[in-house]
């Protein structure tokens, strides 16, 4: 079995460009730390990686369980020319992570709108993108990525929905991290480029599925028709009206047979 220790030097050696890589043994959250560095120290571009997070965060206030040595917990910081198109970062990052995993493992992962990577109907990766709009370097974007790299114990409520990457002696955390960073560097440097959306749409696990979603404080139901060019989820609601969801959380409806 390969050495799976995180190594700043190895990650940097695998990148075809120079990038500030910061590795922590333990931290509250790489996204939180990235925002601190952006606000206080004018950090503009870097990748922060942790062996363990004590307060990992997901979207809509969810916690992200981040035990030591079993996951990839990273935050990629970049500063676009403007934040106008920064909303594309989450969908673009999903494509970047999927490309890296599929290439290294020979898989075909799915994407659950808007920010999760799935394998065998279980979540293996979540992405949290945050813009920094205050402080010394306002206008930077933090793309947080959490991947279940090695299998570990789960609580009973998580076992049906959380998965892990398969073991592969040729892929270490350093190798996968470097591949993801390379993909992010290519895809996020041009937020105007929308060629990614075909990959994002093709990988969707929600198209043609019945879902539930929350609008305001009301739970509603609909059927997913498509994903539009802005990565919005196009649905037909129970009244037969077509609408596009731009944010929020959706759940597939499982029918017991």
C-alpha atoms as a PDB file:
ATOM      1  CA  UNK A   1       0.000   0.000   0.000  1.00  0.00           C
ATOM      2  CA  UNK A   2       1.324   3.436  -0.931  1.00  0.00           C
ATOM      3  CA  UNK A   3       2.226   6.047   1.633  1.00  0.00           C
ATOM      4  CA  UNK A   4      -0.907   8.170   1.911  1.00  0.00           C
ATOM      5  CA  UNK A   5       0.537  11.013   3.978  1.00  0.00           C
ATOM      6  CA  UNK A   6      -0.199  14.495   2.704  1.00  0.00           C
ATOM      7  CA  UNK A   7       2.889  16.148   1.238  1.00  0.00           C
ATOM      8  CA  UNK A   8       3.100  19.743   0.106  1.00  0.00           C
ATOM      9  CA  UNK A   9       6.303  18.969  -1.788  1.00  0.00           C
ATOM     10  CA  UNK A  10       4.821  16.014  -3.670  1.00  0.00           C
ATOM     11  CA  UNK A  11       1.639  17.874  -4.588  1.00  0.00           C
ATOM     12  CA  UNK A  12       3.639  20.836  -5.919  1.00  0.00           C
ATOM     13  CA  UNK A  13       5.928  18.490  -7.897  1.00  0.00           C
ATOM     14  CA  UNK A  14       2.884  17.018  -9.635  1.00  0.00           C
ATOM     15  CA  UNK A  15       1.546  20.402 -10.749  1.00  0.00           C
ATOM     16  CA  UNK A  16       2.547  21.796 -14.164  1.00  0.00           C
ATOM     17  CA  UNK A  17       2.536  25.323 -12.701  1.00  0.00           C
ATOM     18  CA  UNK A  18       3.600  27.066  -9.506  1.00  0.00           C
ATOM     19  CA  UNK A  19       1.006  27.446  -6.763  1.00  0.00           C
ATOM     20  CA  UNK A  20       1.167  28.198  -3.064  1.00  0.00           C
ATOM     21  CA  UNK A  21       0.128  24.943  -1.331  1.00  0.00           C
ATOM     22  CA  UNK A  22      -0.485  25.020   2.432  1.00  0.00           C
ATOM     23  CA  UNK A  23      -0.937  21.756   4.347  1.00  0.00           C
ATOM     24  CA  UNK A  24      -2.342  21.582   7.893  1.00  0.00           C
ATOM     25  CA  UNK A  25      -2.351  18.578  10.173  1.00  0.00           C
ATOM     26  CA  UNK A  26      -5.550  19.841  11.795  1.00  0.00           C
ATOM     27  CA  UNK A  27      -7.710  22.913  11.347  1.00  0.00           C
ATOM     28  CA  UNK A  28     -11.279  23.973  11.981  1.00  0.00           C
ATOM     29  CA  UNK A  29     -12.137  24.320   8.293  1.00  0.00           C
ATOM     30  CA  UNK A  30      -9.999  24.943   5.211  1.00  0.00           C
ATOM     31  CA  UNK A  31     -12.681  27.259   3.843  1.00  0.00           C
ATOM     32  CA  UNK A  32     -12.796  29.243   7.072  1.00  0.00           C
ATOM     33  CA  UNK A  33      -9.007  29.508   7.173  1.00  0.00           C
ATOM     34  CA  UNK A  34      -8.893  30.520   3.502  1.00  0.00           C
ATOM     35  CA  UNK A  35     -11.327  33.353   4.160  1.00  0.00           C
ATOM     36  CA  UNK A  36      -9.244  34.478   7.139  1.00  0.00           C
ATOM     37  CA  UNK A  37      -6.093  34.580   4.986  1.00  0.00           C
ATOM     38  CA  UNK A  38      -7.881  36.412   2.179  1.00  0.00           C
ATOM     39  CA  UNK A  39      -9.317  39.014   4.539  1.00  0.00           C
ATOM     40  CA  UNK A  40      -6.249  39.540   6.733  1.00  0.00           C
ATOM     41  CA  UNK A  41      -3.241  38.733   4.535  1.00  0.00           C
ATOM     42  CA  UNK A  42      -4.414  39.493   1.001  1.00  0.00           C
ATOM     43  CA  UNK A  43      -4.197  35.869  -0.143  1.00  0.00           C
ATOM     44  CA  UNK A  44      -5.190  35.783  -3.818  1.00  0.00           C
ATOM     45  CA  UNK A  45      -4.366  32.303  -5.045  1.00  0.00           C
ATOM     46  CA  UNK A  46      -3.488  29.125  -3.183  1.00  0.00           C
ATOM     47  CA  UNK A  47      -4.700  25.701  -2.149  1.00  0.00           C
ATOM     48  CA  UNK A  48      -5.218  24.867   1.525  1.00  0.00           C
ATOM     49  CA  UNK A  49      -5.349  21.196   2.508  1.00  0.00           C
ATOM     50  CA  UNK A  50      -5.978  19.551   5.886  1.00  0.00           C
ATOM     51  CA  UNK A  51      -5.474  16.048   7.224  1.00  0.00           C
ATOM     52  CA  UNK A  52      -8.397  16.618   9.586  1.00  0.00           C
ATOM     53  CA  UNK A  53     -11.075  19.267  10.086  1.00  0.00           C
ATOM     54  CA  UNK A  54     -12.702  19.863  13.443  1.00  0.00           C
ATOM     55  CA  UNK A  55     -15.514  22.001  12.040  1.00  0.00           C
ATOM     56  CA  UNK A  56     -15.915  21.037   8.401  1.00  0.00           C
ATOM     57  CA  UNK A  57     -18.811  22.803   6.674  1.00  0.00           C
ATOM     58  CA  UNK A  58     -21.151  21.947   3.837  1.00  0.00           C
ATOM     59  CA  UNK A  59     -23.893  23.867   2.069  1.00  0.00           C
ATOM     60  CA  UNK A  60     -26.997  25.238   3.810  1.00  0.00           C
ATOM     61  CA  UNK A  61     -25.349  24.971   7.214  1.00  0.00           C
ATOM     62  CA  UNK A  62     -24.650  21.238   7.152  1.00  0.00           C
ATOM     63  CA  UNK A  63     -21.614  19.855   8.956  1.00  0.00           C
ATOM     64  CA  UNK A  64     -19.057  17.849   6.964  1.00  0.00           C
ATOM     65  CA  UNK A  65     -17.544  14.973   8.963  1.00  0.00           C
ATOM     66  CA  UNK A  66     -13.782  15.157   8.392  1.00  0.00           C
ATOM     67  CA  UNK A  67     -11.827  12.417  10.232  1.00  0.00           C
ATOM     68  CA  UNK A  68      -8.041  12.346   9.967  1.00  0.00           C
ATOM     69  CA  UNK A  69      -6.176  10.530   7.197  1.00  0.00           C
ATOM     70  CA  UNK A  70      -9.273   9.175   5.443  1.00  0.00           C
ATOM     71  CA  UNK A  71     -10.453  12.150   3.400  1.00  0.00           C
ATOM     72  CA  UNK A  72      -9.416  14.988   1.156  1.00  0.00           C
ATOM     73  CA  UNK A  73     -10.298  18.366   2.643  1.00  0.00           C
ATOM     74  CA  UNK A  74      -9.108  21.200   0.437  1.00  0.00           C
ATOM     75  CA  UNK A  75      -9.924  24.784  -0.472  1.00  0.00           C
ATOM     76  CA  UNK A  76      -8.794  26.324  -3.735  1.00  0.00           C
ATOM     77  CA  UNK A  77      -8.548  30.117  -3.667  1.00  0.00           C
ATOM     78  CA  UNK A  78      -8.635  32.223  -6.817  1.00  0.00           C
ATOM     79  CA  UNK A  79      -9.410  35.840  -7.667  1.00  0.00           C
ATOM     80  CA  UNK A  80     -11.442  36.316 -10.854  1.00  0.00           C
ATOM     81  CA  UNK A  81     -11.577  39.593 -12.750  1.00  0.00           C
ATOM     82  CA  UNK A  82     -15.052  40.079 -11.282  1.00  0.00           C
ATOM     83  CA  UNK A  83     -17.553  38.144  -9.199  1.00  0.00           C
ATOM     84  CA  UNK A  84     -20.260  38.493 -11.830  1.00  0.00           C
ATOM     85  CA  UNK A  85     -19.723  34.950 -13.156  1.00  0.00           C
ATOM     86  CA  UNK A  86     -18.434  33.431  -9.904  1.00  0.00           C
ATOM     87  CA  UNK A  87     -21.707  31.535  -9.448  1.00  0.00           C
ATOM     88  CA  UNK A  88     -20.422  29.124 -12.111  1.00  0.00           C
ATOM     89  CA  UNK A  89     -17.567  28.030  -9.840  1.00  0.00           C
ATOM     90  CA  UNK A  90     -19.534  25.308  -8.045  1.00  0.00           C
ATOM     91  CA  UNK A  91     -20.717  23.538 -11.186  1.00  0.00           C
ATOM     92  CA  UNK A  92     -17.322  23.929 -12.823  1.00  0.00           C
ATOM     93  CA  UNK A  93     -15.646  22.491  -9.720  1.00  0.00           C
ATOM     94  CA  UNK A  94     -17.989  19.481  -9.832  1.00  0.00           C
ATOM     95  CA  UNK A  95     -16.859  18.785 -13.388  1.00  0.00           C
ATOM     96  CA  UNK A  96     -13.207  19.197 -12.372  1.00  0.00           C
ATOM     97  CA  UNK A  97     -13.511  16.710  -9.509  1.00  0.00           C
ATOM     98  CA  UNK A  98     -15.474  14.234 -11.640  1.00  0.00           C
ATOM     99  CA  UNK A  99     -12.866  14.424 -14.414  1.00  0.00           C
ATOM    100  CA  UNK A 100     -10.060  13.740 -11.946  1.00  0.00           C
ATOM    101  CA  UNK A 101     -11.751  10.784 -10.248  1.00  0.00           C
ATOM    102  CA  UNK A 102     -12.979   9.253 -13.505  1.00  0.00           C
ATOM    103  CA  UNK A 103      -9.519   9.565 -15.088  1.00  0.00           C
ATOM    104  CA  UNK A 104      -7.540   8.120 -12.180  1.00  0.00           C
ATOM    105  CA  UNK A 105      -9.987   5.397 -11.161  1.00  0.00           C
ATOM    106  CA  UNK A 106     -11.606   4.508 -14.487  1.00  0.00           C
ATOM    107  CA  UNK A 107     -15.056   5.384 -13.123  1.00  0.00           C
ATOM    108  CA  UNK A 108     -18.071   7.342 -14.316  1.00  0.00           C
ATOM    109  CA  UNK A 109     -19.261   9.369 -11.341  1.00  0.00           C
ATOM    110  CA  UNK A 110     -22.568  11.223 -11.283  1.00  0.00           C
ATOM    111  CA  UNK A 111     -23.335  14.780 -10.222  1.00  0.00           C
ATOM    112  CA  UNK A 112     -26.267  15.614  -7.956  1.00  0.00           C
ATOM    113  CA  UNK A 113     -27.271  19.220  -8.455  1.00  0.00           C
ATOM    114  CA  UNK A 114     -25.830  21.396  -7.424  1.00  0.00           C
ATOM    115  CA  UNK A 115     -22.642  20.438  -5.651  1.00  0.00           C
ATOM    116  CA  UNK A 116     -22.296  16.717  -4.895  1.00  0.00           C
ATOM    117  CA  UNK A 117     -20.432  13.870  -6.602  1.00  0.00           C
ATOM    118  CA  UNK A 118     -22.055  10.426  -6.404  1.00  0.00           C
ATOM    119  CA  UNK A 119     -20.830   6.889  -6.960  1.00  0.00           C
ATOM    120  CA  UNK A 120     -23.163   3.890  -6.849  1.00  0.00           C
ATOM    121  CA  UNK A 121     -26.003   6.101  -5.569  1.00  0.00           C
ATOM    122  CA  UNK A 122     -23.962   7.327  -2.603  1.00  0.00           C
ATOM    123  CA  UNK A 123     -22.339  10.706  -1.983  1.00  0.00           C
ATOM    124  CA  UNK A 124     -18.549  10.632  -2.114  1.00  0.00           C
ATOM    125  CA  UNK A 125     -17.822  14.353  -2.454  1.00  0.00           C
ATOM    126  CA  UNK A 126     -19.338  17.689  -1.517  1.00  0.00           C
ATOM    127  CA  UNK A 127     -18.352  21.156  -2.721  1.00  0.00           C
ATOM    128  CA  UNK A 128     -18.869  24.482  -0.941  1.00  0.00           C
ATOM    129  CA  UNK A 129     -18.066  27.675  -2.862  1.00  0.00           C
ATOM    130  CA  UNK A 130     -17.892  30.996  -1.019  1.00  0.00           C
ATOM    131  CA  UNK A 131     -17.088  34.497  -2.231  1.00  0.00           C
ATOM    132  CA  UNK A 132     -15.200  36.946  -0.024  1.00  0.00           C
ATOM    133  CA  UNK A 133     -16.700  40.421  -0.358  1.00  0.00           C
ATOM    134  CA  UNK A 134     -14.989  42.259   2.493  1.00  0.00           C
ATOM    135  CA  UNK A 135     -11.481  42.864   3.807  1.00  0.00           C
ATOM    136  CA  UNK A 136      -8.171  43.556   2.097  1.00  0.00           C
ATOM    137  CA  UNK A 137      -8.759  41.307  -0.892  1.00  0.00           C
ATOM    138  CA  UNK A 138     -12.496  41.370  -1.485  1.00  0.00           C
ATOM    139  CA  UNK A 139     -13.471  39.634  -4.697  1.00  0.00           C
ATOM    140  CA  UNK A 140     -11.755  36.303  -4.110  1.00  0.00           C
ATOM    141  CA  UNK A 141     -13.518  32.950  -4.319  1.00  0.00           C
ATOM    142  CA  UNK A 142     -12.963  29.875  -2.153  1.00  0.00           C
ATOM    143  CA  UNK A 143     -13.857  26.480  -3.592  1.00  0.00           C
ATOM    144  CA  UNK A 144     -14.015  23.952  -0.750  1.00  0.00           C
ATOM    145  CA  UNK A 145     -13.903  20.262  -1.681  1.00  0.00           C
ATOM    146  CA  UNK A 146     -14.401  17.317   0.651  1.00  0.00           C
ATOM    147  CA  UNK A 147     -13.905  13.760  -0.632  1.00  0.00           C
ATOM    148  CA  UNK A 148     -14.371  10.448   1.190  1.00  0.00           C
ATOM    149  CA  UNK A 149     -11.075   8.956   0.063  1.00  0.00           C
ATOM    150  CA  UNK A 150     -10.689   5.924   2.349  1.00  0.00           C
ATOM    151  CA  UNK A 151     -13.469   3.935   3.966  1.00  0.00           C
ATOM    152  CA  UNK A 152     -14.097   4.568   7.660  1.00  0.00           C
ATOM    153  CA  UNK A 153     -16.786   3.929  10.216  1.00  0.00           C
ATOM    154  CA  UNK A 154     -20.111   5.660   9.685  1.00  0.00           C
ATOM    155  CA  UNK A 155     -23.118   6.124  11.905  1.00  0.00           C
ATOM    156  CA  UNK A 156     -26.118   3.988  10.965  1.00  0.00           C
ATOM    157  CA  UNK A 157     -28.028   6.959   9.545  1.00  0.00           C
ATOM    158  CA  UNK A 158     -25.187   7.772   7.127  1.00  0.00           C
ATOM    159  CA  UNK A 159     -24.457   4.266   5.840  1.00  0.00           C
ATOM    160  CA  UNK A 160     -27.245   4.246   3.226  1.00  0.00           C
ATOM    161  CA  UNK A 161     -26.258   7.597   1.724  1.00  0.00           C
ATOM    162  CA  UNK A 162     -22.478   8.088   2.137  1.00  0.00           C
ATOM    163  CA  UNK A 163     -19.941   6.254  -0.007  1.00  0.00           C
ATOM    164  CA  UNK A 164     -16.187   6.100  -0.528  1.00  0.00           C
ATOM    165  CA  UNK A 165     -13.760   5.956  -3.390  1.00  0.00           C
ATOM    166  CA  UNK A 166     -12.654   2.393  -4.170  1.00  0.00           C
ATOM    167  CA  UNK A 167      -9.184   1.391  -3.003  1.00  0.00           C
ATOM    168  CA  UNK A 168      -6.564   1.890  -5.695  1.00  0.00           C
ATOM    169  CA  UNK A 169      -2.909   1.297  -4.911  1.00  0.00           C
ATOM    170  CA  UNK A 170      -1.901   3.628  -7.761  1.00  0.00           C
ATOM    171  CA  UNK A 171      -3.777   6.653  -6.423  1.00  0.00           C
ATOM    172  CA  UNK A 172      -2.769   8.533  -3.281  1.00  0.00           C
ATOM    173  CA  UNK A 173      -4.393  11.598  -1.795  1.00  0.00           C
ATOM    174  CA  UNK A 174      -1.510  13.696  -3.134  1.00  0.00           C
ATOM    175  CA  UNK A 175      -2.023  12.414  -6.681  1.00  0.00           C
ATOM    176  CA  UNK A 176      -5.782  13.027  -6.661  1.00  0.00           C
ATOM    177  CA  UNK A 177      -5.395  16.470  -5.078  1.00  0.00           C
ATOM    178  CA  UNK A 178      -2.850  17.513  -7.715  1.00  0.00           C
ATOM    179  CA  UNK A 179      -5.112  16.313 -10.530  1.00  0.00           C
ATOM    180  CA  UNK A 180      -8.070  18.249  -9.117  1.00  0.00           C
ATOM    181  CA  UNK A 181      -5.979  21.405  -8.690  1.00  0.00           C
ATOM    182  CA  UNK A 182      -4.771  21.132 -12.291  1.00  0.00           C
ATOM    183  CA  UNK A 183      -8.346  20.800 -13.521  1.00  0.00           C
ATOM    184  CA  UNK A 184      -9.502  23.751 -11.401  1.00  0.00           C
ATOM    185  CA  UNK A 185      -6.663  25.902 -12.694  1.00  0.00           C
ATOM    186  CA  UNK A 186      -7.703  25.221 -16.281  1.00  0.00           C
ATOM    187  CA  UNK A 187     -11.467  25.538 -15.802  1.00  0.00           C
ATOM    188  CA  UNK A 188     -11.721  28.476 -13.396  1.00  0.00           C
ATOM    189  CA  UNK A 189      -9.318  30.823 -15.165  1.00  0.00           C
ATOM    190  CA  UNK A 190     -12.019  31.481 -17.753  1.00  0.00           C
ATOM    191  CA  UNK A 191     -15.433  31.796 -16.128  1.00  0.00           C
ATOM    192  CA  UNK A 192     -16.886  32.983 -19.435  1.00  0.00           C
ATOM    193  CA  UNK A 193     -16.270  29.569 -21.006  1.00  0.00           C
ATOM    194  CA  UNK A 194     -19.431  27.450 -20.808  1.00  0.00           C
ATOM    195  CA  UNK A 195     -18.226  24.266 -22.528  1.00  0.00           C
ATOM    196  CA  UNK A 196     -18.259  22.532 -19.134  1.00  0.00           C
ATOM    197  CA  UNK A 197     -22.050  22.570 -18.954  1.00  0.00           C
ATOM    198  CA  UNK A 198     -22.476  19.646 -21.365  1.00  0.00           C
ATOM    199  CA  UNK A 199     -20.379  17.451 -19.062  1.00  0.00           C
ATOM    200  CA  UNK A 200     -22.274  18.702 -16.050  1.00  0.00           C
ATOM    201  CA  UNK A 201     -25.630  17.968 -17.676  1.00  0.00           C
ATOM    202  CA  UNK A 202     -24.572  14.547 -18.973  1.00  0.00           C
ATOM    203  CA  UNK A 203     -23.415  13.515 -15.499  1.00  0.00           C
ATOM    204  CA  UNK A 204     -26.622  14.609 -13.756  1.00  0.00           C
ATOM    205  CA  UNK A 205     -28.331  11.943 -11.669  1.00  0.00           C
ATOM    206  CA  UNK A 206     -31.490  14.058 -11.321  1.00  0.00           C
ATOM    207  CA  UNK A 207     -32.705  14.527 -14.893  1.00  0.00           C
ATOM    208  CA  UNK A 208     -36.010  12.667 -15.385  1.00  0.00           C
ATOM    209  CA  UNK A 209     -36.295  12.102 -11.628  1.00  0.00           C
ATOM    210  CA  UNK A 210     -39.029  13.161  -9.210  1.00  0.00           C
ATOM    211  CA  UNK A 211     -37.733  15.446  -6.470  1.00  0.00           C
ATOM    212  CA  UNK A 212     -38.768  17.408  -3.435  1.00  0.00           C
ATOM    213  CA  UNK A 213     -37.431  20.881  -2.712  1.00  0.00           C
ATOM    214  CA  UNK A 214     -38.039  23.778  -0.354  1.00  0.00           C
ATOM    215  CA  UNK A 215     -39.293  27.137  -1.609  1.00  0.00           C
ATOM    216  CA  UNK A 216     -39.456  29.727   1.128  1.00  0.00           C
ATOM    217  CA  UNK A 217     -40.446  27.488   4.028  1.00  0.00           C
ATOM    218  CA  UNK A 218     -42.743  25.257   2.009  1.00  0.00           C
ATOM    219  CA  UNK A 219     -41.820  21.765   0.837  1.00  0.00           C
ATOM    220  CA  UNK A 220     -42.737  21.251  -2.787  1.00  0.00           C
ATOM    221  CA  UNK A 221     -42.488  18.511  -5.390  1.00  0.00           C
ATOM    222  CA  UNK A 222     -41.536  18.423  -9.031  1.00  0.00           C
ATOM    223  CA  UNK A 223     -40.009  16.499 -11.918  1.00  0.00           C
ATOM    224  CA  UNK A 224     -36.558  17.400 -13.281  1.00  0.00           C
ATOM    225  CA  UNK A 225     -36.580  18.181 -17.000  1.00  0.00           C
ATOM    226  CA  UNK A 226     -33.130  19.580 -17.705  1.00  0.00           C
ATOM    227  CA  UNK A 227     -30.162  21.632 -16.547  1.00  0.00           C
ATOM    228  CA  UNK A 228     -29.880  24.965 -18.340  1.00  0.00           C
ATOM    229  CA  UNK A 229     -26.745  26.682 -19.651  1.00  0.00           C
ATOM    230  CA  UNK A 230     -26.327  28.529 -16.339  1.00  0.00           C
ATOM    231  CA  UNK A 231     -26.442  25.231 -14.393  1.00  0.00           C
ATOM    232  CA  UNK A 232     -29.951  25.927 -13.140  1.00  0.00           C
ATOM    233  CA  UNK A 233     -32.221  22.954 -12.457  1.00  0.00           C
ATOM    234  CA  UNK A 234     -35.238  23.055 -14.765  1.00  0.00           C
ATOM    235  CA  UNK A 235     -38.282  21.362 -13.256  1.00  0.00           C
ATOM    236  CA  UNK A 236     -41.990  20.949 -13.820  1.00  0.00           C
ATOM    237  CA  UNK A 237     -43.867  21.448 -10.582  1.00  0.00           C
ATOM    238  CA  UNK A 238     -47.009  19.634  -9.496  1.00  0.00           C
ATOM    239  CA  UNK A 239     -49.144  22.340 -11.078  1.00  0.00           C
ATOM    240  CA  UNK A 240     -47.573  21.695 -14.459  1.00  0.00           C
ATOM    241  CA  UNK A 241     -45.570  24.928 -14.434  1.00  0.00           C
ATOM    242  CA  UNK A 242     -41.948  24.961 -15.589  1.00  0.00           C
ATOM    243  CA  UNK A 243     -39.494  26.772 -13.326  1.00  0.00           C
ATOM    244  CA  UNK A 244     -35.743  26.920 -12.805  1.00  0.00           C
ATOM    245  CA  UNK A 245     -34.086  26.455  -9.418  1.00  0.00           C
ATOM    246  CA  UNK A 246     -30.911  28.483  -8.978  1.00  0.00           C
ATOM    247  CA  UNK A 247     -29.986  27.430  -5.449  1.00  0.00           C
ATOM    248  CA  UNK A 248     -31.181  25.387  -2.517  1.00  0.00           C
ATOM    249  CA  UNK A 249     -31.281  21.699  -1.787  1.00  0.00           C
ATOM    250  CA  UNK A 250     -33.262  18.995  -3.542  1.00  0.00           C
ATOM    251  CA  UNK A 251     -33.995  15.374  -2.695  1.00  0.00           C
ATOM    252  CA  UNK A 252     -34.880  12.522  -4.992  1.00  0.00           C
ATOM    253  CA  UNK A 253     -38.087  10.706  -4.162  1.00  0.00           C
ATOM    254  CA  UNK A 254     -37.518   6.996  -3.793  1.00  0.00           C
ATOM    255  CA  UNK A 255     -40.418   4.739  -4.658  1.00  0.00           C
ATOM    256  CA  UNK A 256     -40.477   1.440  -2.814  1.00  0.00           C
ATOM    257  CA  UNK A 257     -41.262  -1.451  -5.100  1.00  0.00           C
END
